[in-house]
C-alpha atoms as a PDB file:
ATOM      1  CA  UNK A   1     -64.226  24.780 -84.687  1.00  0.00           C
ATOM      2  CA  UNK A   2     -63.406  21.360 -86.124  1.00  0.00           C
ATOM      3  CA  UNK A   3     -61.704  20.896 -89.489  1.00  0.00           C
ATOM      4  CA  UNK A   4     -62.600  17.743 -91.404  1.00  0.00           C
ATOM      5  CA  UNK A   5     -61.282  16.539 -94.743  1.00  0.00           C
ATOM      6  CA  UNK A   6     -63.801  14.512 -96.727  1.00  0.00           C
ATOM      7  CA  UNK A   7     -61.183  12.173 -98.144  1.00  0.00           C
ATOM      8  CA  UNK A   8     -63.469  10.012-100.246  1.00  0.00           C
ATOM      9  CA  UNK A   9     -64.329  12.913-102.525  1.00  0.00           C
ATOM     10  CA  UNK A  10     -60.796  14.185-102.948  1.00  0.00           C
ATOM     11  CA  UNK A  11     -59.076  11.029-104.139  1.00  0.00           C
ATOM     12  CA  UNK A  12     -59.574   8.574-106.988  1.00  0.00           C
ATOM     13  CA  UNK A  13     -61.029   5.869-104.764  1.00  0.00           C
ATOM     14  CA  UNK A  14     -62.873   3.053-106.586  1.00  0.00           C
ATOM     15  CA  UNK A  15     -62.250   4.752-109.921  1.00  0.00           C
ATOM     16  CA  UNK A  16     -62.067   1.815-112.330  1.00  0.00           C
ATOM     17  CA  UNK A  17     -63.523   2.035-115.858  1.00  0.00           C
ATOM     18  CA  UNK A  18     -67.311   2.098-116.005  1.00  0.00           C
ATOM     19  CA  UNK A  19     -69.244  -1.101-116.622  1.00  0.00           C
ATOM     20  CA  UNK A  20     -72.117  -1.418-119.051  1.00  0.00           C
ATOM     21  CA  UNK A  21     -75.682  -1.059-117.786  1.00  0.00           C
ATOM     22  CA  UNK A  22     -77.250  -2.956-120.681  1.00  0.00           C
ATOM     23  CA  UNK A  23     -78.290  -5.887-118.474  1.00  0.00           C
ATOM     24  CA  UNK A  24     -79.425  -3.860-115.495  1.00  0.00           C
ATOM     25  CA  UNK A  25     -83.012  -4.017-114.351  1.00  0.00           C
ATOM     26  CA  UNK A  26     -84.876  -1.113-112.833  1.00  0.00           C
ATOM     27  CA  UNK A  27     -87.615   1.401-113.452  1.00  0.00           C
ATOM     28  CA  UNK A  28     -85.599   3.421-115.982  1.00  0.00           C
ATOM     29  CA  UNK A  29     -84.552   4.800-118.344  1.00  0.00           C
ATOM     30  CA  UNK A  30     -86.899   7.775-118.427  1.00  0.00           C
ATOM     31  CA  UNK A  31     -89.661   7.876-121.013  1.00  0.00           C
ATOM     32  CA  UNK A  32     -92.052  10.716-121.881  1.00  0.00           C
ATOM     33  CA  UNK A  33     -94.779   8.945-119.896  1.00  0.00           C
ATOM     34  CA  UNK A  34     -92.651   8.998-116.728  1.00  0.00           C
ATOM     35  CA  UNK A  35     -91.928  12.736-116.885  1.00  0.00           C
ATOM     36  CA  UNK A  36     -94.508  15.184-115.522  1.00  0.00           C
ATOM     37  CA  UNK A  37     -94.951  18.617-117.034  1.00  0.00           C
ATOM     38  CA  UNK A  38     -94.501  19.731-120.614  1.00  0.00           C
ATOM     39  CA  UNK A  39     -91.083  19.696-122.224  1.00  0.00           C
ATOM     40  CA  UNK A  40     -89.943  23.214-123.225  1.00  0.00           C
ATOM     41  CA  UNK A  41     -90.410  24.229-126.841  1.00  0.00           C
ATOM     42  CA  UNK A  42     -86.653  24.468-127.419  1.00  0.00           C
ATOM     43  CA  UNK A  43     -86.236  20.719-126.757  1.00  0.00           C
ATOM     44  CA  UNK A  44     -86.134  18.811-130.025  1.00  0.00           C
ATOM     45  CA  UNK A  45     -86.469  15.043-129.973  1.00  0.00           C
ATOM     46  CA  UNK A  46     -86.568  12.828-126.923  1.00  0.00           C
ATOM     47  CA  UNK A  47     -84.617  12.467-123.723  1.00  0.00           C
ATOM     48  CA  UNK A  48     -80.987  11.406-123.657  1.00  0.00           C
ATOM     49  CA  UNK A  49     -79.576   8.424-121.811  1.00  0.00           C
ATOM     50  CA  UNK A  50     -77.149   8.954-118.951  1.00  0.00           C
ATOM     51  CA  UNK A  51     -75.071   6.904-116.539  1.00  0.00           C
ATOM     52  CA  UNK A  52     -77.148   4.626-114.294  1.00  0.00           C
ATOM     53  CA  UNK A  53     -80.435   5.816-115.768  1.00  0.00           C
ATOM     54  CA  UNK A  54     -81.783   2.320-115.137  1.00  0.00           C
ATOM     55  CA  UNK A  55     -82.513   3.793-111.685  1.00  0.00           C
ATOM     56  CA  UNK A  56     -84.385   6.849-113.020  1.00  0.00           C
ATOM     57  CA  UNK A  57     -88.021   6.283-112.055  1.00  0.00           C
ATOM     58  CA  UNK A  58     -89.620   9.673-112.764  1.00  0.00           C
ATOM     59  CA  UNK A  59     -88.892  13.178-113.904  1.00  0.00           C
ATOM     60  CA  UNK A  60     -90.412  16.661-113.955  1.00  0.00           C
ATOM     61  CA  UNK A  61     -90.130  19.502-116.458  1.00  0.00           C
ATOM     62  CA  UNK A  62     -90.694  22.882-114.828  1.00  0.00           C
ATOM     63  CA  UNK A  63     -92.830  25.312-116.800  1.00  0.00           C
ATOM     64  CA  UNK A  64     -90.307  28.014-115.960  1.00  0.00           C
ATOM     65  CA  UNK A  65     -87.664  26.153-117.976  1.00  0.00           C
ATOM     66  CA  UNK A  66     -89.347  27.431-121.132  1.00  0.00           C
ATOM     67  CA  UNK A  67     -88.780  30.980-119.915  1.00  0.00           C
ATOM     68  CA  UNK A  68     -85.044  30.605-119.308  1.00  0.00           C
ATOM     69  CA  UNK A  69     -85.031  29.373-115.700  1.00  0.00           C
ATOM     70  CA  UNK A  70     -81.756  27.639-114.691  1.00  0.00           C
ATOM     71  CA  UNK A  71     -82.316  25.349-111.661  1.00  0.00           C
ATOM     72  CA  UNK A  72     -79.691  25.061-108.916  1.00  0.00           C
ATOM     73  CA  UNK A  73     -81.193  23.580-105.763  1.00  0.00           C
ATOM     74  CA  UNK A  74     -84.122  21.442-104.627  1.00  0.00           C
ATOM     75  CA  UNK A  75     -85.906  20.786-101.336  1.00  0.00           C
ATOM     76  CA  UNK A  76     -88.738  18.280-100.925  1.00  0.00           C
ATOM     77  CA  UNK A  77     -91.422  17.683 -98.316  1.00  0.00           C
ATOM     78  CA  UNK A  78     -93.973  15.025 -99.197  1.00  0.00           C
ATOM     79  CA  UNK A  79     -95.325  15.702-102.677  1.00  0.00           C
ATOM     80  CA  UNK A  80     -94.172  19.318-102.748  1.00  0.00           C
ATOM     81  CA  UNK A  81     -90.829  20.539-104.045  1.00  0.00           C
ATOM     82  CA  UNK A  82     -89.095  23.901-103.903  1.00  0.00           C
ATOM     83  CA  UNK A  83     -86.603  24.577-106.690  1.00  0.00           C
ATOM     84  CA  UNK A  84     -84.186  27.488-106.546  1.00  0.00           C
ATOM     85  CA  UNK A  85     -82.398  29.021-109.503  1.00  0.00           C
ATOM     86  CA  UNK A  86     -82.164  32.100-111.683  1.00  0.00           C
ATOM     87  CA  UNK A  87     -83.241  33.523-115.020  1.00  0.00           C
ATOM     88  CA  UNK A  88     -80.491  32.564-117.440  1.00  0.00           C
ATOM     89  CA  UNK A  89     -81.909  34.867-120.117  1.00  0.00           C
ATOM     90  CA  UNK A  90     -82.055  37.972-117.937  1.00  0.00           C
ATOM     91  CA  UNK A  91     -81.094  40.947-120.125  1.00  0.00           C
ATOM     92  CA  UNK A  92     -79.468  42.780-117.226  1.00  0.00           C
ATOM     93  CA  UNK A  93     -77.359  39.747-116.324  1.00  0.00           C
ATOM     94  CA  UNK A  94     -78.135  40.015-112.620  1.00  0.00           C
ATOM     95  CA  UNK A  95     -79.388  36.420-112.227  1.00  0.00           C
ATOM     96  CA  UNK A  96     -81.972  37.328-109.576  1.00  0.00           C
ATOM     97  CA  UNK A  97     -82.820  34.475-107.209  1.00  0.00           C
ATOM     98  CA  UNK A  98     -86.016  32.648-108.079  1.00  0.00           C
ATOM     99  CA  UNK A  99     -87.785  30.055-105.917  1.00  0.00           C
ATOM    100  CA  UNK A 100     -90.555  27.902-107.360  1.00  0.00           C
ATOM    101  CA  UNK A 101     -92.938  25.696-105.359  1.00  0.00           C
ATOM    102  CA  UNK A 102     -94.467  22.827-107.348  1.00  0.00           C
ATOM    103  CA  UNK A 103     -96.508  19.645-107.140  1.00  0.00           C
ATOM    104  CA  UNK A 104     -94.190  16.704-107.864  1.00  0.00           C
ATOM    105  CA  UNK A 105     -97.048  14.506-109.071  1.00  0.00           C
ATOM    106  CA  UNK A 106     -98.073  16.807-111.908  1.00  0.00           C
ATOM    107  CA  UNK A 107     -95.229  19.272-112.269  1.00  0.00           C
ATOM    108  CA  UNK A 108     -97.763  22.063-111.753  1.00  0.00           C
ATOM    109  CA  UNK A 109     -96.242  25.288-110.463  1.00  0.00           C
ATOM    110  CA  UNK A 110     -97.985  26.351-107.256  1.00  0.00           C
ATOM    111  CA  UNK A 111     -96.121  29.562-106.503  1.00  0.00           C
ATOM    112  CA  UNK A 112     -93.062  31.563-107.486  1.00  0.00           C
ATOM    113  CA  UNK A 113     -91.054  34.421-106.040  1.00  0.00           C
ATOM    114  CA  UNK A 114     -88.155  36.515-107.327  1.00  0.00           C
ATOM    115  CA  UNK A 115     -86.002  38.032-104.575  1.00  0.00           C
ATOM    116  CA  UNK A 116     -85.295  41.400-106.131  1.00  0.00           C
ATOM    117  CA  UNK A 117     -85.771  44.611-104.206  1.00  0.00           C
ATOM    118  CA  UNK A 118     -87.075  42.869-101.059  1.00  0.00           C
ATOM    119  CA  UNK A 119     -87.477  44.937 -97.890  1.00  0.00           C
ATOM    120  CA  UNK A 120     -85.926  43.207 -94.853  1.00  0.00           C
ATOM    121  CA  UNK A 121     -85.709  45.088 -91.533  1.00  0.00           C
ATOM    122  CA  UNK A 122     -86.251  48.379 -93.350  1.00  0.00           C
ATOM    123  CA  UNK A 123     -83.492  47.711 -95.895  1.00  0.00           C
ATOM    124  CA  UNK A 124     -84.118  47.000 -99.595  1.00  0.00           C
ATOM    125  CA  UNK A 125     -81.986  44.008-100.612  1.00  0.00           C
ATOM    126  CA  UNK A 126     -81.774  41.515-103.475  1.00  0.00           C
ATOM    127  CA  UNK A 127     -80.585  37.949-103.993  1.00  0.00           C
ATOM    128  CA  UNK A 128     -78.475  36.669-106.896  1.00  0.00           C
ATOM    129  CA  UNK A 129     -78.010  33.165-108.333  1.00  0.00           C
ATOM    130  CA  UNK A 130     -79.817  31.114-105.614  1.00  0.00           C
ATOM    131  CA  UNK A 131     -77.241  28.365-105.418  1.00  0.00           C
ATOM    132  CA  UNK A 132     -79.024  26.054-102.994  1.00  0.00           C
ATOM    133  CA  UNK A 133     -82.183  25.458-100.998  1.00  0.00           C
ATOM    134  CA  UNK A 134     -83.086  23.104 -98.152  1.00  0.00           C
ATOM    135  CA  UNK A 135     -85.962  22.767 -95.709  1.00  0.00           C
ATOM    136  CA  UNK A 136     -86.317  21.920 -92.013  1.00  0.00           C
ATOM    137  CA  UNK A 137     -88.573  22.796 -89.094  1.00  0.00           C
ATOM    138  CA  UNK A 138     -87.707  26.515 -89.100  1.00  0.00           C
ATOM    139  CA  UNK A 139     -88.537  27.030 -92.767  1.00  0.00           C
ATOM    140  CA  UNK A 140     -86.980  27.123 -96.207  1.00  0.00           C
ATOM    141  CA  UNK A 141     -83.295  28.081 -96.267  1.00  0.00           C
ATOM    142  CA  UNK A 142     -81.957  29.702 -99.428  1.00  0.00           C
ATOM    143  CA  UNK A 143     -78.212  30.142 -99.952  1.00  0.00           C
ATOM    144  CA  UNK A 144     -76.472  32.496-102.342  1.00  0.00           C
ATOM    145  CA  UNK A 145     -72.807  33.461-102.560  1.00  0.00           C
ATOM    146  CA  UNK A 146     -72.903  36.271-100.016  1.00  0.00           C
ATOM    147  CA  UNK A 147     -76.189  35.847 -98.135  1.00  0.00           C
ATOM    148  CA  UNK A 148     -78.389  33.309 -96.382  1.00  0.00           C
ATOM    149  CA  UNK A 149     -82.176  33.690 -96.471  1.00  0.00           C
ATOM    150  CA  UNK A 150     -84.994  32.089 -94.494  1.00  0.00           C
ATOM    151  CA  UNK A 151     -88.342  31.904 -96.305  1.00  0.00           C
ATOM    152  CA  UNK A 152     -91.788  30.760 -95.286  1.00  0.00           C
ATOM    153  CA  UNK A 153     -92.214  27.555 -97.353  1.00  0.00           C
ATOM    154  CA  UNK A 154     -95.943  28.151 -97.844  1.00  0.00           C
ATOM    155  CA  UNK A 155     -95.939  31.812 -98.850  1.00  0.00           C
ATOM    156  CA  UNK A 156     -92.301  32.187-100.030  1.00  0.00           C
ATOM    157  CA  UNK A 157     -92.063  35.446 -98.081  1.00  0.00           C
ATOM    158  CA  UNK A 158     -88.711  36.397 -96.550  1.00  0.00           C
ATOM    159  CA  UNK A 159     -88.532  36.005 -92.763  1.00  0.00           C
ATOM    160  CA  UNK A 160     -84.821  36.605 -92.091  1.00  0.00           C
ATOM    161  CA  UNK A 161     -81.662  37.456 -94.030  1.00  0.00           C
ATOM    162  CA  UNK A 162     -77.996  37.202 -93.034  1.00  0.00           C
ATOM    163  CA  UNK A 163     -74.798  38.383 -94.710  1.00  0.00           C
ATOM    164  CA  UNK A 164     -72.124  35.688 -95.044  1.00  0.00           C
ATOM    165  CA  UNK A 165     -68.688  36.885 -93.908  1.00  0.00           C
ATOM    166  CA  UNK A 166     -65.195  35.524 -93.168  1.00  0.00           C
ATOM    167  CA  UNK A 167     -65.015  33.277 -96.233  1.00  0.00           C
ATOM    168  CA  UNK A 168     -68.373  31.544 -95.681  1.00  0.00           C
ATOM    169  CA  UNK A 169     -70.037  31.032 -99.048  1.00  0.00           C
ATOM    170  CA  UNK A 170     -73.494  29.780 -99.973  1.00  0.00           C
ATOM    171  CA  UNK A 171     -73.248  27.836-103.231  1.00  0.00           C
ATOM    172  CA  UNK A 172     -75.474  25.014-101.909  1.00  0.00           C
ATOM    173  CA  UNK A 173     -77.231  23.975 -98.704  1.00  0.00           C
ATOM    174  CA  UNK A 174     -78.036  20.817 -96.737  1.00  0.00           C
ATOM    175  CA  UNK A 175     -79.480  19.772 -93.348  1.00  0.00           C
ATOM    176  CA  UNK A 176     -78.162  16.775 -91.405  1.00  0.00           C
ATOM    177  CA  UNK A 177     -79.786  14.399 -88.906  1.00  0.00           C
ATOM    178  CA  UNK A 178     -78.660  16.573 -85.985  1.00  0.00           C
ATOM    179  CA  UNK A 179     -80.535  19.584 -87.292  1.00  0.00           C
ATOM    180  CA  UNK A 180     -77.408  21.399 -88.423  1.00  0.00           C
ATOM    181  CA  UNK A 181     -77.535  23.608 -91.488  1.00  0.00           C
ATOM    182  CA  UNK A 182     -74.668  23.170 -93.942  1.00  0.00           C
ATOM    183  CA  UNK A 183     -73.638  25.984 -96.303  1.00  0.00           C
ATOM    184  CA  UNK A 184     -71.269  24.866 -99.054  1.00  0.00           C
ATOM    185  CA  UNK A 185     -68.800  26.721-101.276  1.00  0.00           C
ATOM    186  CA  UNK A 186     -68.321  25.792-104.944  1.00  0.00           C
ATOM    187  CA  UNK A 187     -64.841  26.024-106.467  1.00  0.00           C
ATOM    188  CA  UNK A 188     -63.537  24.737-109.803  1.00  0.00           C
ATOM    189  CA  UNK A 189     -59.741  24.557-109.659  1.00  0.00           C
ATOM    190  CA  UNK A 190     -59.518  24.409-105.870  1.00  0.00           C
ATOM    191  CA  UNK A 191     -61.212  22.476-103.103  1.00  0.00           C
ATOM    192  CA  UNK A 192     -64.519  23.742-101.831  1.00  0.00           C
ATOM    193  CA  UNK A 193     -65.842  23.546 -98.296  1.00  0.00           C
ATOM    194  CA  UNK A 194     -68.938  23.108 -96.164  1.00  0.00           C
ATOM    195  CA  UNK A 195     -69.615  25.091 -92.997  1.00  0.00           C
ATOM    196  CA  UNK A 196     -72.069  23.589 -90.516  1.00  0.00           C
ATOM    197  CA  UNK A 197     -74.230  26.141 -88.656  1.00  0.00           C
ATOM    198  CA  UNK A 198     -76.778  25.912 -85.835  1.00  0.00           C
ATOM    199  CA  UNK A 199     -80.084  27.325 -87.162  1.00  0.00           C
ATOM    200  CA  UNK A 200     -81.512  27.671 -83.643  1.00  0.00           C
ATOM    201  CA  UNK A 201     -78.587  29.847 -82.615  1.00  0.00           C
ATOM    202  CA  UNK A 202     -78.899  31.971 -85.754  1.00  0.00           C
ATOM    203  CA  UNK A 203     -82.578  32.606 -85.102  1.00  0.00           C
ATOM    204  CA  UNK A 204     -82.063  33.289 -81.409  1.00  0.00           C
ATOM    205  CA  UNK A 205     -79.418  35.923 -82.115  1.00  0.00           C
ATOM    206  CA  UNK A 206     -79.953  39.455 -83.313  1.00  0.00           C
ATOM    207  CA  UNK A 207     -76.948  39.672 -85.633  1.00  0.00           C
ATOM    208  CA  UNK A 208     -77.555  39.844 -89.382  1.00  0.00           C
ATOM    209  CA  UNK A 209     -74.006  38.654 -90.111  1.00  0.00           C
ATOM    210  CA  UNK A 210     -72.728  35.058 -90.068  1.00  0.00           C
ATOM    211  CA  UNK A 211     -69.005  34.738 -89.387  1.00  0.00           C
ATOM    212  CA  UNK A 212     -66.448  32.167 -88.281  1.00  0.00           C
ATOM    213  CA  UNK A 213     -67.710  32.303 -84.727  1.00  0.00           C
ATOM    214  CA  UNK A 214     -71.007  30.813 -85.911  1.00  0.00           C
ATOM    215  CA  UNK A 215     -69.394  27.810 -87.632  1.00  0.00           C
ATOM    216  CA  UNK A 216     -69.703  24.550 -85.694  1.00  0.00           C
ATOM    217  CA  UNK A 217     -67.646  22.446 -88.105  1.00  0.00           C
ATOM    218  CA  UNK A 218     -65.654  23.131 -91.283  1.00  0.00           C
ATOM    219  CA  UNK A 219     -65.453  20.342 -93.892  1.00  0.00           C
ATOM    220  CA  UNK A 220     -63.153  20.424 -96.924  1.00  0.00           C
ATOM    221  CA  UNK A 221     -64.783  19.213-100.161  1.00  0.00           C
ATOM    222  CA  UNK A 222     -63.458  18.306-103.625  1.00  0.00           C
ATOM    223  CA  UNK A 223     -63.499  20.827-106.494  1.00  0.00           C
ATOM    224  CA  UNK A 224     -66.694  21.211-108.546  1.00  0.00           C
ATOM    225  CA  UNK A 225     -68.985  20.148-105.709  1.00  0.00           C
ATOM    226  CA  UNK A 226     -72.425  21.404-106.751  1.00  0.00           C
ATOM    227  CA  UNK A 227     -74.743  19.932-104.133  1.00  0.00           C
ATOM    228  CA  UNK A 228     -74.940  17.945-100.905  1.00  0.00           C
ATOM    229  CA  UNK A 229     -77.336  15.404 -99.394  1.00  0.00           C
ATOM    230  CA  UNK A 230     -77.524  13.956 -95.907  1.00  0.00           C
ATOM    231  CA  UNK A 231     -79.123  10.572 -95.426  1.00  0.00           C
ATOM    232  CA  UNK A 232     -78.965   6.878 -96.213  1.00  0.00           C
ATOM    233  CA  UNK A 233     -78.353   5.701 -99.769  1.00  0.00           C
ATOM    234  CA  UNK A 234     -78.886   1.993-100.346  1.00  0.00           C
ATOM    235  CA  UNK A 235     -77.232  -0.076 -97.635  1.00  0.00           C
ATOM    236  CA  UNK A 236     -74.724   2.627 -96.709  1.00  0.00           C
ATOM    237  CA  UNK A 237     -74.816   4.272 -93.300  1.00  0.00           C
ATOM    238  CA  UNK A 238     -76.400   7.744 -93.197  1.00  0.00           C
ATOM    239  CA  UNK A 239     -73.885  10.383 -94.120  1.00  0.00           C
ATOM    240  CA  UNK A 240     -72.919  13.222 -96.416  1.00  0.00           C
ATOM    241  CA  UNK A 241     -73.142  12.662-100.173  1.00  0.00           C
ATOM    242  CA  UNK A 242     -72.032  15.098-102.846  1.00  0.00           C
ATOM    243  CA  UNK A 243     -72.669  15.867-106.494  1.00  0.00           C
ATOM    244  CA  UNK A 244     -69.783  16.981-108.665  1.00  0.00           C
ATOM    245  CA  UNK A 245     -70.784  18.024-112.154  1.00  0.00           C
ATOM    246  CA  UNK A 246     -70.768  20.169-115.232  1.00  0.00           C
ATOM    247  CA  UNK A 247     -73.468  20.278-117.893  1.00  0.00           C
ATOM    248  CA  UNK A 248     -72.175  17.168-119.696  1.00  0.00           C
ATOM    249  CA  UNK A 249     -71.334  15.041-116.671  1.00  0.00           C
ATOM    250  CA  UNK A 250     -72.628  14.121-113.230  1.00  0.00           C
ATOM    251  CA  UNK A 251     -70.833  12.239-110.447  1.00  0.00           C
ATOM    252  CA  UNK A 252     -72.246  11.122-107.103  1.00  0.00           C
ATOM    253  CA  UNK A 253     -69.536  11.002-104.436  1.00  0.00           C
ATOM    254  CA  UNK A 254     -69.885   8.630-101.503  1.00  0.00           C
ATOM    255  CA  UNK A 255     -67.596   7.998 -98.517  1.00  0.00           C
ATOM    256  CA  UNK A 256     -65.171   5.835-100.522  1.00  0.00           C
ATOM    257  CA  UNK A 257     -66.574   5.603-104.044  1.00  0.00           C
ATOM    258  CA  UNK A 258     -67.898   7.554-107.011  1.00  0.00           C
ATOM    259  CA  UNK A 259     -70.809   6.695-109.284  1.00  0.00           C
ATOM    260  CA  UNK A 260     -72.190   8.195-112.480  1.00  0.00           C
ATOM    261  CA  UNK A 261     -75.364  10.220-112.065  1.00  0.00           C
ATOM    262  CA  UNK A 262     -77.554  12.753-113.893  1.00  0.00           C
ATOM    263  CA  UNK A 263     -75.529  15.192-116.060  1.00  0.00           C
ATOM    264  CA  UNK A 264     -75.575  18.720-114.685  1.00  0.00           C
ATOM    265  CA  UNK A 265     -76.584  17.428-111.233  1.00  0.00           C
ATOM    266  CA  UNK A 266     -76.842  20.162-108.620  1.00  0.00           C
ATOM    267  CA  UNK A 267     -78.969  19.858-105.467  1.00  0.00           C
ATOM    268  CA  UNK A 268     -80.466  16.637-104.078  1.00  0.00           C
ATOM    269  CA  UNK A 269     -83.417  15.869-101.815  1.00  0.00           C
ATOM    270  CA  UNK A 270     -84.990  12.709-100.341  1.00  0.00           C
ATOM    271  CA  UNK A 271     -87.799  10.878-102.130  1.00  0.00           C
ATOM    272  CA  UNK A 272     -89.116   8.276 -99.730  1.00  0.00           C
ATOM    273  CA  UNK A 273     -87.074   5.469 -98.197  1.00  0.00           C
ATOM    274  CA  UNK A 274     -85.033   4.457-101.253  1.00  0.00           C
ATOM    275  CA  UNK A 275     -85.418   7.483-103.470  1.00  0.00           C
ATOM    276  CA  UNK A 276     -83.627  10.714-104.198  1.00  0.00           C
ATOM    277  CA  UNK A 277     -84.586  13.726-106.301  1.00  0.00           C
ATOM    278  CA  UNK A 278     -81.791  15.357-108.289  1.00  0.00           C
ATOM    279  CA  UNK A 279     -82.101  18.751-109.969  1.00  0.00           C
ATOM    280  CA  UNK A 280     -80.136  19.249-113.193  1.00  0.00           C
ATOM    281  CA  UNK A 281     -79.255  22.397-115.127  1.00  0.00           C
ATOM    282  CA  UNK A 282     -78.256  20.559-118.337  1.00  0.00           C
ATOM    283  CA  UNK A 283     -81.738  20.730-119.873  1.00  0.00           C
ATOM    284  CA  UNK A 284     -82.121  24.476-119.328  1.00  0.00           C
ATOM    285  CA  UNK A 285     -82.359  26.755-122.345  1.00  0.00           C
ATOM    286  CA  UNK A 286     -79.145  28.546-121.389  1.00  0.00           C
ATOM    287  CA  UNK A 287     -77.077  25.381-121.890  1.00  0.00           C
ATOM    288  CA  UNK A 288     -79.124  23.716-124.615  1.00  0.00           C
ATOM    289  CA  UNK A 289     -78.457  26.761-126.791  1.00  0.00           C
ATOM    290  CA  UNK A 290     -74.723  26.191-126.377  1.00  0.00           C
ATOM    291  CA  UNK A 291     -75.146  22.733-127.890  1.00  0.00           C
ATOM    292  CA  UNK A 292     -73.746  19.346-126.975  1.00  0.00           C
ATOM    293  CA  UNK A 293     -75.569  19.101-123.661  1.00  0.00           C
ATOM    294  CA  UNK A 294     -77.696  16.028-122.895  1.00  0.00           C
ATOM    295  CA  UNK A 295     -81.429  16.533-122.636  1.00  0.00           C
ATOM    296  CA  UNK A 296     -82.585  15.579-119.139  1.00  0.00           C
ATOM    297  CA  UNK A 297     -85.622  16.902-117.210  1.00  0.00           C
ATOM    298  CA  UNK A 298     -85.308  19.583-114.553  1.00  0.00           C
ATOM    299  CA  UNK A 299     -85.914  17.018-111.808  1.00  0.00           C
ATOM    300  CA  UNK A 300     -85.096  13.310-111.868  1.00  0.00           C
ATOM    301  CA  UNK A 301     -86.169  10.812-109.197  1.00  0.00           C
ATOM    302  CA  UNK A 302     -83.694   7.970-108.683  1.00  0.00           C
ATOM    303  CA  UNK A 303     -84.122   4.646-106.910  1.00  0.00           C
ATOM    304  CA  UNK A 304     -80.924   4.486-104.847  1.00  0.00           C
ATOM    305  CA  UNK A 305     -81.481   1.093-103.232  1.00  0.00           C
ATOM    306  CA  UNK A 306     -78.663  -0.458-105.316  1.00  0.00           C
ATOM    307  CA  UNK A 307     -76.465   2.642-105.542  1.00  0.00           C
ATOM    308  CA  UNK A 308     -73.321   0.842-104.430  1.00  0.00           C
ATOM    309  CA  UNK A 309     -73.491  -1.403-107.523  1.00  0.00           C
ATOM    310  CA  UNK A 310     -74.028   1.475-109.952  1.00  0.00           C
ATOM    311  CA  UNK A 311     -71.503   2.072-112.710  1.00  0.00           C
ATOM    312  CA  UNK A 312     -68.530   4.242-111.950  1.00  0.00           C
ATOM    313  CA  UNK A 313     -68.444   7.518-113.877  1.00  0.00           C
ATOM    314  CA  UNK A 314     -67.269   7.383-117.481  1.00  0.00           C
ATOM    315  CA  UNK A 315     -66.793  11.171-117.512  1.00  0.00           C
ATOM    316  CA  UNK A 316     -64.563  13.514-115.572  1.00  0.00           C
ATOM    317  CA  UNK A 317     -65.229  16.715-113.658  1.00  0.00           C
END
């Protein structure tokens, strides 16, 4: 098992003061006409500006946001998106995993499932928090702290479920160009990590437990890593990109640089050749009620063709 340190995210590389974006050209900032779906009733006023929002071309409000949904992960295939999260207003505090399938053009919700009391191989199990979601040829992978789930992307029914053991943690998920499935661990004061798995091997085996023997590569990540993306951004070579955030700040971490991005940024997913969807929790009712959080849509589509020239973050995580 290889151990890799992602150095670019753990040091203050390229961390000069942010430049102004006042003279930038692009399709942003977001306007009500560029955001699909209806803004939740608790949102008063318009949308807030954020770092590098000159590159924000479109957005989506999820209908579920009005009912307390807190988004955490996003997967995209064509014009369809799957957003994972939990009910931030749940009276029992259990934060049951919720997965929503929607039309990105209209924001219309096509389907929804809550993984509570699901029967898998004769056992009744539940899912909490739904930290990340990603999609590949085998289906829709959903990661939570202690379990990994495989869902049918069309019906949202559970096909397989594994328990994560030996320190493997599912705070977010990503798939790379080799078909590997990455399961990442979120930490605040300490470094997180990403464990690369082989989905074919998982599906071929009969074990319902994922341990260290299943890990193909172990990558150390910086603290407060909330999401991961594999692909090409701008003129950079394809690779692993990270979001580090809290509900007032968002930072996109590249191989040797950091750039400001959507506040509350969590999961990321591709949007065509030069685009990327980012899901944010900052606009959810749970955090808007706490006050002082910027108002941004649930999903934001960014044009990343000039990402290397974006402003460096003016906030800290």
